[in-house]
Structure formats: structure tokens, C-alpha cells
């Protein structure tokens, strides 16, 4: 692949790991072969959205915890945290809806 794309093997490896991490591709093994092989995941776009949702929920928890721990006298900070809480709440809700809608669609598996 590196030769075909005219990039370093390290770059291919780094980007392959990133694509595995977001659920777009998955590593597969070939019996008797130690080389790494990859294939497109089943429902890659659904898996990408699901991974995004997991990261968003994690950030939402961090922001909510920070907001609870910041004293009220830090009004500017509390205001920014409230804005972030609103953003993450709405982002999670809209992406959960998108994931549910796409999961119901027969075309979503491709």
C-alpha cells in the first residue's frame, strides 16, 4: 500500500491504526501470515458515529464534573462550562437520533 500511495510504511501504519480506532476498518488475520491485513468494517459509518458518541459522552461527563466543582464566584468560568454542557448535551442527543435513524435504514449497513 505504501508503495502504491508513494508514502512511508509508518504513515500507512499510523493511519490504519487511526481508522481501526474510529471503527472504519478492522484488522483481520490470515492463518500462517504475520502481515497485517485490514478490511472495511461492517456498517463503518454507524461505527464511526458510535465512536464519536462515546467520545462526546466522555467529554460531557468531564465538563459536568468540572462545572460542579468550580466555585460559584468564578462566574465567567461557570458560564463557559454551561455553554459547553449545552453543546455536548445537544450534540449527543442529535447524534443519538442520527444513529437510531440510520440503524433502522436497510442502506445503513453499507
Protein backbone atom coordinates (compact mmCIF):
# COMPACT_ATOMS: atom_id res chain seq x y z
CA UNK A 1 0.00 0.00 0.00
CA UNK A 2 2.82 2.40 0.90
CA UNK A 3 4.41 1.83 -2.48
CA UNK A 4 1.14 2.35 -4.35
CA UNK A 5 0.41 5.58 -2.45
CA UNK A 6 4.03 6.73 -2.50
CA UNK A 7 4.07 7.29 1.26
CA UNK A 8 6.08 5.78 4.09
CA UNK A 9 5.12 2.45 5.65
CA UNK A 10 4.96 4.24 9.01
CA UNK A 11 2.39 6.66 7.64
CA UNK A 12 0.25 3.81 6.34
CA UNK A 13 0.52 2.04 9.69
CA UNK A 14 -0.34 5.18 11.68
CA UNK A 15 -3.37 5.95 9.53
CA UNK A 16 -4.53 2.32 9.55
CA UNK A 17 -4.46 2.35 13.38
CA UNK A 18 -6.45 5.59 13.36
CA UNK A 19 -9.07 4.08 11.04
CA UNK A 20 -9.27 0.99 13.27
CA UNK A 21 -9.67 3.29 16.27
CA UNK A 22 -12.69 5.04 14.79
CA UNK A 23 -14.21 1.75 13.65
CA UNK A 24 -13.97 2.36 9.92
CA UNK A 25 -11.72 -0.61 9.21
CA UNK A 26 -10.79 -3.72 11.17
CA UNK A 27 -7.67 -5.82 11.34
CA UNK A 28 -8.01 -9.36 10.02
CA UNK A 29 -5.60 -12.26 10.18
CA UNK A 30 -4.58 -14.74 7.56
CA UNK A 31 -3.56 -18.11 9.00
CA UNK A 32 0.19 -18.63 8.66
CA UNK A 33 0.85 -14.99 7.65
CA UNK A 34 2.21 -12.47 10.13
CA UNK A 35 1.48 -9.45 7.94
CA UNK A 36 -1.31 -7.08 8.95
CA UNK A 37 -4.41 -7.05 6.78
CA UNK A 38 -7.41 -4.78 7.03
CA UNK A 39 -10.94 -4.76 5.72
CA UNK A 40 -13.80 -2.30 5.75
CA UNK A 41 -15.88 -2.81 8.90
CA UNK A 42 -19.50 -3.86 8.80
CA UNK A 43 -21.60 -0.68 8.93
CA UNK A 44 -18.49 1.56 9.11
CA UNK A 45 -20.42 4.82 9.23
CA UNK A 46 -22.59 3.62 12.11
CA UNK A 47 -19.47 2.53 13.98
CA UNK A 48 -17.86 5.92 13.36
CA UNK A 49 -20.89 7.74 14.77
CA UNK A 50 -20.98 5.37 17.74
CA UNK A 51 -17.30 6.03 18.47
CA UNK A 52 -17.91 9.77 18.17
CA UNK A 53 -20.81 9.45 20.62
CA UNK A 54 -18.64 7.62 23.13
CA UNK A 55 -16.05 10.40 23.00
CA UNK A 56 -18.73 13.09 23.26
CA UNK A 57 -20.32 11.39 26.28
CA UNK A 58 -16.92 11.20 27.95
CA UNK A 59 -16.34 14.92 27.38
CA UNK A 60 -19.86 15.64 28.60
CA UNK A 61 -19.06 13.87 31.88
CA UNK A 62 -15.79 15.77 32.27
CA UNK A 63 -17.49 19.13 31.68
CA UNK A 64 -20.35 18.31 34.06
CA UNK A 65 -17.88 17.28 36.77
CA UNK A 66 -15.83 20.44 36.27
CA UNK A 67 -18.97 22.58 36.41
CA UNK A 68 -19.98 21.02 39.75
CA UNK A 69 -16.52 21.54 41.23
CA UNK A 70 -15.92 25.14 40.13
CA UNK A 71 -16.99 27.57 42.86
CA UNK A 72 -19.88 29.92 42.04
CA UNK A 73 -17.68 33.02 42.41
CA UNK A 74 -15.97 32.07 39.12
CA UNK A 75 -18.96 33.25 37.12
CA UNK A 76 -17.17 33.59 33.75
CA UNK A 77 -15.79 30.08 34.03
CA UNK A 78 -19.17 28.70 35.11
CA UNK A 79 -20.80 30.45 32.14
CA UNK A 80 -18.34 28.89 29.67
CA UNK A 81 -18.85 25.49 31.25
CA UNK A 82 -22.62 25.92 30.95
CA UNK A 83 -22.17 26.69 27.25
CA UNK A 84 -20.02 23.59 26.85
CA UNK A 85 -22.58 21.48 28.72
CA UNK A 86 -25.29 22.74 26.38
CA UNK A 87 -23.14 21.98 23.33
CA UNK A 88 -22.33 18.43 24.43
CA UNK A 89 -25.90 17.70 25.53
CA UNK A 90 -27.29 18.80 22.16
CA UNK A 91 -24.51 17.09 20.18
CA UNK A 92 -25.06 13.80 21.99
CA UNK A 93 -28.84 13.97 21.58
CA UNK A 94 -28.72 14.79 17.88
CA UNK A 95 -26.13 12.11 17.14
CA UNK A 96 -28.07 9.50 19.13
CA UNK A 97 -31.09 10.34 16.98
CA UNK A 98 -28.99 10.14 13.80
CA UNK A 99 -27.56 6.78 14.84
CA UNK A 100 -31.03 5.42 15.61
CA UNK A 101 -32.41 6.64 12.29
CA UNK A 102 -29.50 5.22 10.32
CA UNK A 103 -29.64 1.92 12.20
CA UNK A 104 -33.25 1.47 11.11
CA UNK A 105 -32.39 2.05 7.46
CA UNK A 106 -31.51 -1.06 5.39
CA UNK A 107 -28.98 1.04 3.42
CA UNK A 108 -27.03 1.95 6.58
CA UNK A 109 -25.06 -1.30 6.64
CA UNK A 110 -23.09 -0.38 3.51
